[in-house]
Amino acid sequence: MKPILDLELLNTFAVVVEAGGFKEASSRLYRSQAAVSMQIKRLEEQIGHRLLERSNQGIKLTEPGKTLLGYIDRLLRLNNETLSALSLEPLRGPVHFGIPTDYAQTFLQKFIPRIRDAFPELDPRITCGRSRRLRELVTAGDLDVAIVTGESQFAPEKSLWSEALCWYASVGLPINTEEALPVALLESDCALRDFAATDLRQSGLDYHTVMTSTDMANLYSAVESGLAIALLPESSVISSRVRPVQLDQLPGQRVLTMNIINAGTLNPGFLEPLQGCLLGAARATHDQSNARV
């Protein structure tokens, strides 16, 4: 008889891979590194394959590890859907939403009135954070629904909105490629920082980081003041004093897509109108941003 996979061990494995190592994973899971390492060892024993190769540079998935990772999201989602189907709780009370930190202020102004009008018995609970952290919380069932940045390694997701993503600088900041470019970067683990790092690495340009922040609004302030250039979504640009950077070495524009994902904890008949509220709020927020620019 084949072994039955332990969902808690699968979740730990997914977090370790997402975090890129045991130290960060232990912090996210609120467990010691030794406990996390033991869980991975138990999972490897259960499956009969080594899943991770460890080195001074970090961790690397083995081929069995890559195969397992491709199934984990579906397994955890099915677990959540099963618990939801068996639940006798009514479709009211607390519902947990994840909203990206950089969009929360404007998005919630449009979303909360809609959700209260459509579902007056619901008690919305909001968690703000970076997309990758919100994904982890959805996978664990700690969030019911979240808005996240679309990334190519994930299965196709329902899109809420898309916008241009490009490098910006102050109108008054001269750009001289013969000197090191002053750059502002997000310091947290997120897709936007990875996009920026990839652009800079592939450009071959010399640069120095003059500012790091966990808040995109601070990056925008650094750009507007003339301190640095930064990779920003178009909706964050609210001043004519900021312009796109025109350099052959940097991509002129890419598309940033924001998607909606769910944990399978909500009845499907309830999820569809709820997504409608999110979509309506997203459109209203996007329209407001377009009118402001």
Protein backbone atom coordinates (compact mmCIF):
# COMPACT_ATOMS: atom_id res chain seq x y z
CA MET A 1 0.00 0.00 0.00
CA LYS A 2 1.35 3.40 -0.98
CA PRO A 3 1.91 5.95 1.82
CA ILE A 4 -0.61 8.76 2.37
CA LEU A 5 1.03 12.15 2.04
CA ASP A 6 0.98 14.43 5.09
CA LEU A 7 -0.46 17.81 4.04
CA GLU A 8 1.36 19.66 6.82
CA LEU A 9 4.68 18.33 5.54
CA LEU A 10 3.74 19.31 1.99
CA ASN A 11 2.94 22.84 3.12
CA THR A 12 6.30 23.08 4.91
CA PHE A 13 8.09 21.91 1.76
CA ALA A 14 6.28 24.53 -0.35
CA VAL A 15 7.21 27.32 2.09
CA VAL A 16 10.88 26.25 2.16
CA VAL A 17 11.04 26.35 -1.64
CA GLU A 18 9.22 29.70 -1.81
CA ALA A 19 11.43 31.21 0.90
CA GLY A 20 14.61 29.91 -0.72
CA GLY A 21 15.93 28.28 2.43
CA PHE A 22 15.28 26.97 5.92
CA LYS A 23 16.06 30.13 7.89
CA GLU A 24 13.42 32.29 6.22
CA ALA A 25 10.95 29.38 6.11
CA SER A 26 11.29 28.80 9.84
CA SER A 27 10.39 32.44 10.45
CA ARG A 28 7.32 32.22 8.22
CA LEU A 29 6.18 28.94 9.76
CA TYR A 30 6.92 30.01 13.36
CA ARG A 31 9.04 26.91 13.89
CA SER A 32 12.73 26.36 14.58
CA GLN A 33 15.05 25.56 11.68
CA ALA A 34 15.63 22.14 13.22
CA ALA A 35 11.88 21.44 13.25
CA VAL A 36 11.50 22.53 9.63
CA SER A 37 14.49 20.41 8.61
CA MET A 38 13.00 17.41 10.41
CA GLN A 39 9.69 17.84 8.60
CA ILE A 40 11.46 17.87 5.23
CA LYS A 41 13.38 14.74 6.23
CA ARG A 42 10.11 13.01 7.21
CA LEU A 43 8.57 13.97 3.86
CA GLU A 44 11.59 12.62 1.97
CA GLU A 45 11.38 9.36 3.92
CA GLN A 46 7.65 9.14 3.18
CA ILE A 47 8.15 9.67 -0.55
CA GLY A 48 11.39 7.73 -0.83
CA HIS A 49 13.33 10.45 -2.67
CA ARG A 50 15.61 13.33 -1.79
CA LEU A 51 13.68 16.51 -2.57
CA LEU A 52 16.24 19.23 -1.89
CA GLU A 53 19.98 19.59 -2.35
CA ARG A 54 21.57 21.94 0.20
CA SER A 55 24.76 23.96 -0.24
CA ASN A 56 26.38 27.19 0.91
CA GLN A 57 24.51 28.93 -1.91
CA GLY A 58 21.13 27.77 -0.62
CA ILE A 59 18.78 25.01 -1.75
CA LYS A 60 18.11 23.40 -5.11
CA LEU A 61 15.18 21.21 -6.09
CA THR A 62 15.92 17.67 -7.23
CA GLU A 63 13.88 16.24 -10.08
CA PRO A 64 11.50 14.45 -7.64
CA GLY A 65 11.26 17.74 -5.74
CA LYS A 66 10.22 19.58 -8.91
CA THR A 67 7.60 16.92 -9.63
CA LEU A 68 6.18 17.12 -6.10
CA LEU A 69 6.05 20.92 -6.17
CA GLY A 70 3.86 20.76 -9.26
CA TYR A 71 1.18 18.86 -7.31
CA ILE A 72 1.26 20.60 -3.94
CA ASP A 73 -0.95 23.58 -4.76
CA ARG A 74 -3.70 21.30 -6.07
CA LEU A 75 -3.44 18.98 -3.06
CA LEU A 76 -3.71 21.79 -0.52
CA ARG A 77 -6.51 23.49 -2.45
CA LEU A 78 -8.49 20.23 -2.58
CA ASN A 79 -8.00 19.87 1.18
CA ASN A 80 -9.45 23.35 1.72
CA GLU A 81 -12.36 22.70 -0.64
CA THR A 82 -13.20 19.45 1.16
CA LEU A 83 -13.27 21.13 4.56
CA SER A 84 -15.45 23.89 3.12
CA ALA A 85 -17.91 21.41 1.60
CA LEU A 86 -18.25 19.58 4.92
CA SER A 87 -18.63 22.75 6.96
CA LEU A 88 -22.04 23.57 8.43
CA GLU A 89 -21.07 27.22 8.90
CA PRO A 90 -23.39 29.68 7.13
CA LEU A 91 -22.04 31.90 4.36
CA ARG A 92 -21.67 34.90 6.62
CA GLY A 93 -19.28 36.07 9.29
CA PRO A 94 -15.54 36.63 8.78
CA VAL A 95 -14.02 36.30 5.33
CA HIS A 96 -10.28 36.85 5.06
CA PHE A 97 -8.89 38.89 2.16
CA GLY A 98 -5.30 39.53 1.15
CA ILE A 99 -4.53 42.87 -0.48
CA PRO A 100 -1.07 43.88 -1.77
CA THR A 101 0.41 46.56 0.47
CA ASP A 102 1.08 49.05 -2.32
CA TYR A 103 -2.52 49.00 -3.57
CA ALA A 104 -4.35 48.73 -0.26
CA GLN A 105 -5.00 52.40 0.48
CA THR A 106 -6.83 53.22 -2.75
CA PHE A 107 -8.27 49.76 -3.39
CA LEU A 108 -9.99 49.41 -0.01
CA GLN A 109 -11.80 52.73 -0.53
CA LYS A 110 -13.54 51.15 -3.53
CA PHE A 111 -13.82 47.59 -2.24
CA ILE A 112 -15.21 47.87 1.30
CA PRO A 113 -18.39 49.81 0.33
CA ARG A 114 -19.07 47.26 -2.43
CA ILE A 115 -18.61 44.23 -0.19
CA ARG A 116 -20.82 45.70 2.53
CA ASP A 117 -23.59 46.54 0.07
CA ALA A 118 -23.48 43.10 -1.58
CA PHE A 119 -22.92 41.01 1.58
CA PRO A 120 -24.14 42.95 4.64
CA GLU A 121 -23.73 39.92 6.94
CA LEU A 122 -20.07 39.42 6.10
CA ASP A 123 -17.28 40.59 8.37
CA PRO A 124 -14.32 41.41 6.06
CA ARG A 125 -10.88 40.77 7.56
CA ILE A 126 -7.99 42.32 5.63
CA THR A 127 -4.34 41.29 5.56
CA CYS A 128 -1.92 43.52 3.66
CA GLY A 129 1.41 42.16 2.48
CA ARG A 130 3.61 41.29 -0.46
CA SER A 131 2.11 39.02 -3.10
CA ARG A 132 4.35 36.06 -2.36
CA ARG A 133 3.48 36.15 1.33
CA LEU A 134 -0.23 36.39 0.47
CA ARG A 135 0.14 33.34 -1.78
CA GLU A 136 1.56 31.37 1.13
CA LEU A 137 -1.35 32.37 3.35
CA VAL A 138 -3.89 31.36 0.68
CA THR A 139 -2.18 28.00 0.19
CA ALA A 140 -2.29 27.41 3.94
CA GLY A 141 -5.98 28.38 4.07
CA ASP A 142 -5.29 31.37 6.33
CA LEU A 143 -6.70 33.69 3.67
CA ASP A 144 -9.84 32.94 1.67
CA VAL A 145 -9.13 35.24 -1.28
CA ALA A 146 -6.14 37.38 -2.26
CA ILE A 147 -4.93 39.71 -4.98
CA VAL A 148 -1.41 38.81 -6.12
CA THR A 149 1.10 39.70 -8.79
CA GLY A 150 1.02 37.33 -11.74
CA GLU A 151 4.24 35.32 -12.11
CA SER A 152 5.06 32.85 -14.88
CA GLN A 153 5.82 29.92 -12.57
CA PHE A 154 2.22 29.72 -11.39
CA ALA A 155 -0.72 28.13 -13.21
CA PRO A 156 -3.05 30.49 -15.16
CA GLU A 157 -5.03 32.70 -12.77
CA LYS A 158 -8.03 35.00 -13.07
CA SER A 159 -6.76 38.48 -13.99
CA LEU A 160 -8.14 41.56 -12.22
CA TRP A 161 -6.18 44.24 -14.04
CA SER A 162 -2.95 44.92 -15.91
CA GLU A 163 -0.83 48.04 -16.16
CA ALA A 164 2.46 49.22 -17.58
CA LEU A 165 5.60 48.68 -15.52
CA CYS A 166 8.67 50.72 -16.45
CA TRP A 167 11.67 52.62 -15.14
CA TYR A 168 11.04 56.20 -14.05
CA ALA A 169 13.20 59.18 -13.17
CA SER A 170 12.66 62.78 -12.17
CA VAL A 171 12.51 65.30 -15.02
CA GLY A 172 15.40 67.09 -13.32
CA LEU A 173 17.65 64.03 -12.93
CA PRO A 174 20.25 63.76 -15.72
CA ILE A 175 20.86 60.20 -16.89
CA ASN A 176 24.51 59.53 -17.71
CA THR A 177 25.31 55.91 -18.54
CA GLU A 178 29.03 56.62 -18.17
CA GLU A 179 28.44 57.00 -14.44
CA ALA A 180 26.81 54.64 -11.95
CA LEU A 181 23.02 55.05 -12.03
CA PRO A 182 21.40 55.87 -8.68
CA VAL A 183 18.73 53.23 -8.07
CA ALA A 184 15.95 52.77 -5.50
CA LEU A 185 14.86 49.17 -4.84
CA LEU A 186 12.29 47.35 -2.78
CA GLU A 187 14.04 45.38 -0.06
CA SER A 188 11.37 42.72 0.45
CA ASP A 189 10.91 39.40 -1.35
CA CYS A 190 8.60 40.35 -4.22
CA ALA A 191 8.22 40.07 -7.98
CA LEU A 192 8.84 43.79 -8.55
CA ARG A 193 12.26 43.62 -6.92
CA ASP A 194 13.10 40.53 -8.99
CA PHE A 195 12.02 42.32 -12.19
CA ALA A 196 14.23 45.29 -11.31
CA ALA A 197 17.22 43.10 -10.47
CA THR A 198 16.84 41.19 -13.74
CA ASP A 199 16.65 44.42 -15.78
CA LEU A 200 19.77 45.86 -14.13
CA ARG A 201 21.74 42.62 -14.47
CA GLN A 202 20.85 42.16 -18.15
CA SER A 203 21.49 45.82 -18.97
CA GLY A 204 25.15 45.64 -18.02
CA LEU A 205 24.87 49.19 -16.67
CA ASP A 206 26.86 50.29 -13.66
CA TYR A 207 24.60 51.31 -10.78
CA HIS A 208 24.56 51.85 -7.04
CA THR A 209 21.62 51.45 -4.70
CA VAL A 210 20.95 54.75 -2.95
CA MET A 211 17.71 53.72 -1.27
CA THR A 212 15.87 50.56 -0.20
CA SER A 213 12.39 50.39 1.28
CA THR A 214 9.56 47.95 1.91
CA ASP A 215 7.11 50.62 0.69
CA MET A 216 6.70 51.44 -2.99
CA ALA A 217 5.48 54.95 -2.10
CA ASN A 218 8.96 55.65 -0.71
CA LEU A 219 10.52 54.53 -3.99
CA TYR A 220 8.25 56.94 -5.82
CA SER A 221 9.30 59.77 -3.49
CA ALA A 222 12.94 58.94 -4.22
CA VAL A 223 12.22 59.21 -7.95
CA GLU A 224 10.16 62.40 -7.71
CA SER A 225 12.80 64.14 -5.58
CA GLY A 226 15.55 63.31 -8.06
CA LEU A 227 17.40 60.95 -5.72
CA ALA A 228 17.12 57.82 -7.87
CA ILE A 229 15.51 55.94 -10.72
CA ALA A 230 13.16 53.04 -9.94
CA LEU A 231 11.00 50.41 -11.59
CA LEU A 232 7.39 51.38 -10.84
CA PRO A 233 3.85 50.50 -11.96
CA GLU A 234 2.20 53.22 -14.03
CA SER A 235 -0.60 53.73 -11.47
CA SER A 236 1.90 54.95 -8.87
CA VAL A 237 3.00 57.89 -11.05
CA ILE A 238 1.01 60.95 -9.97
CA SER A 239 3.22 63.86 -11.04
CA SER A 240 4.30 65.43 -14.32
CA ARG A 241 7.74 65.83 -12.72
CA VAL A 242 8.34 62.11 -13.26
CA ARG A 243 9.17 60.65 -16.67
CA PRO A 244 9.99 57.23 -18.12
CA VAL A 245 13.69 56.46 -18.43
CA GLN A 246 14.80 56.26 -22.08
CA LEU A 247 17.81 53.95 -22.24
CA ASP A 248 18.47 51.28 -24.85
CA GLN A 249 19.90 49.00 -22.19
CA LEU A 250 16.69 48.99 -20.11
CA PRO A 251 13.33 47.62 -21.34
CA GLY A 252 10.98 50.44 -22.26
CA GLN A 253 7.94 48.81 -20.74
CA ARG A 254 6.63 45.50 -19.44
CA VAL A 255 3.14 44.49 -18.29
CA LEU A 256 2.35 43.98 -14.61
CA THR A 257 -0.69 41.76 -14.08
CA MET A 258 -2.62 41.53 -10.82
CA ASN A 259 -4.58 38.31 -10.35
CA ILE A 260 -7.11 36.89 -7.91
CA ILE A 261 -6.55 33.53 -6.21
CA ASN A 262 -8.59 31.67 -3.61
CA ALA A 263 -8.00 28.91 -1.09
CA GLY A 264 -11.09 26.87 -1.93
CA THR A 265 -12.48 27.65 1.53
CA LEU A 266 -15.59 29.39 0.17
CA ASN A 267 -18.62 27.87 -1.51
CA PRO A 268 -18.19 28.30 -5.31
CA GLY A 269 -21.65 29.88 -5.56
CA PHE A 270 -20.52 32.52 -3.10
CA LEU A 271 -17.07 33.01 -4.61
CA GLU A 272 -18.26 34.25 -8.01
CA PRO A 273 -20.21 37.33 -6.78
CA LEU A 274 -17.41 38.03 -4.32
CA GLN A 275 -14.92 38.12 -7.18
CA GLY A 276 -17.33 40.49 -8.92
CA CYS A 277 -16.92 42.93 -6.03
CA LEU A 278 -13.15 42.68 -6.31
CA LEU A 279 -13.26 43.19 -10.07
CA GLY A 280 -15.55 46.21 -9.72
CA ALA A 281 -13.25 47.77 -7.14
CA ALA A 282 -10.22 47.08 -9.32
CA ARG A 283 -11.83 48.78 -12.32
CA ALA A 284 -12.86 51.80 -10.23
CA THR A 285 -9.35 52.09 -8.80
CA HIS A 286 -7.77 51.80 -12.24
CA ASP A 287 -10.16 54.41 -13.70
CA GLN A 288 -9.30 56.78 -10.84
CA SER A 289 -5.59 56.32 -11.51
CA ASN A 290 -6.03 57.02 -15.23
CA ALA A 291 -8.03 60.17 -14.52
CA ARG A 292 -5.36 61.40 -12.09
CA VAL A 293 -2.39 61.03 -14.45
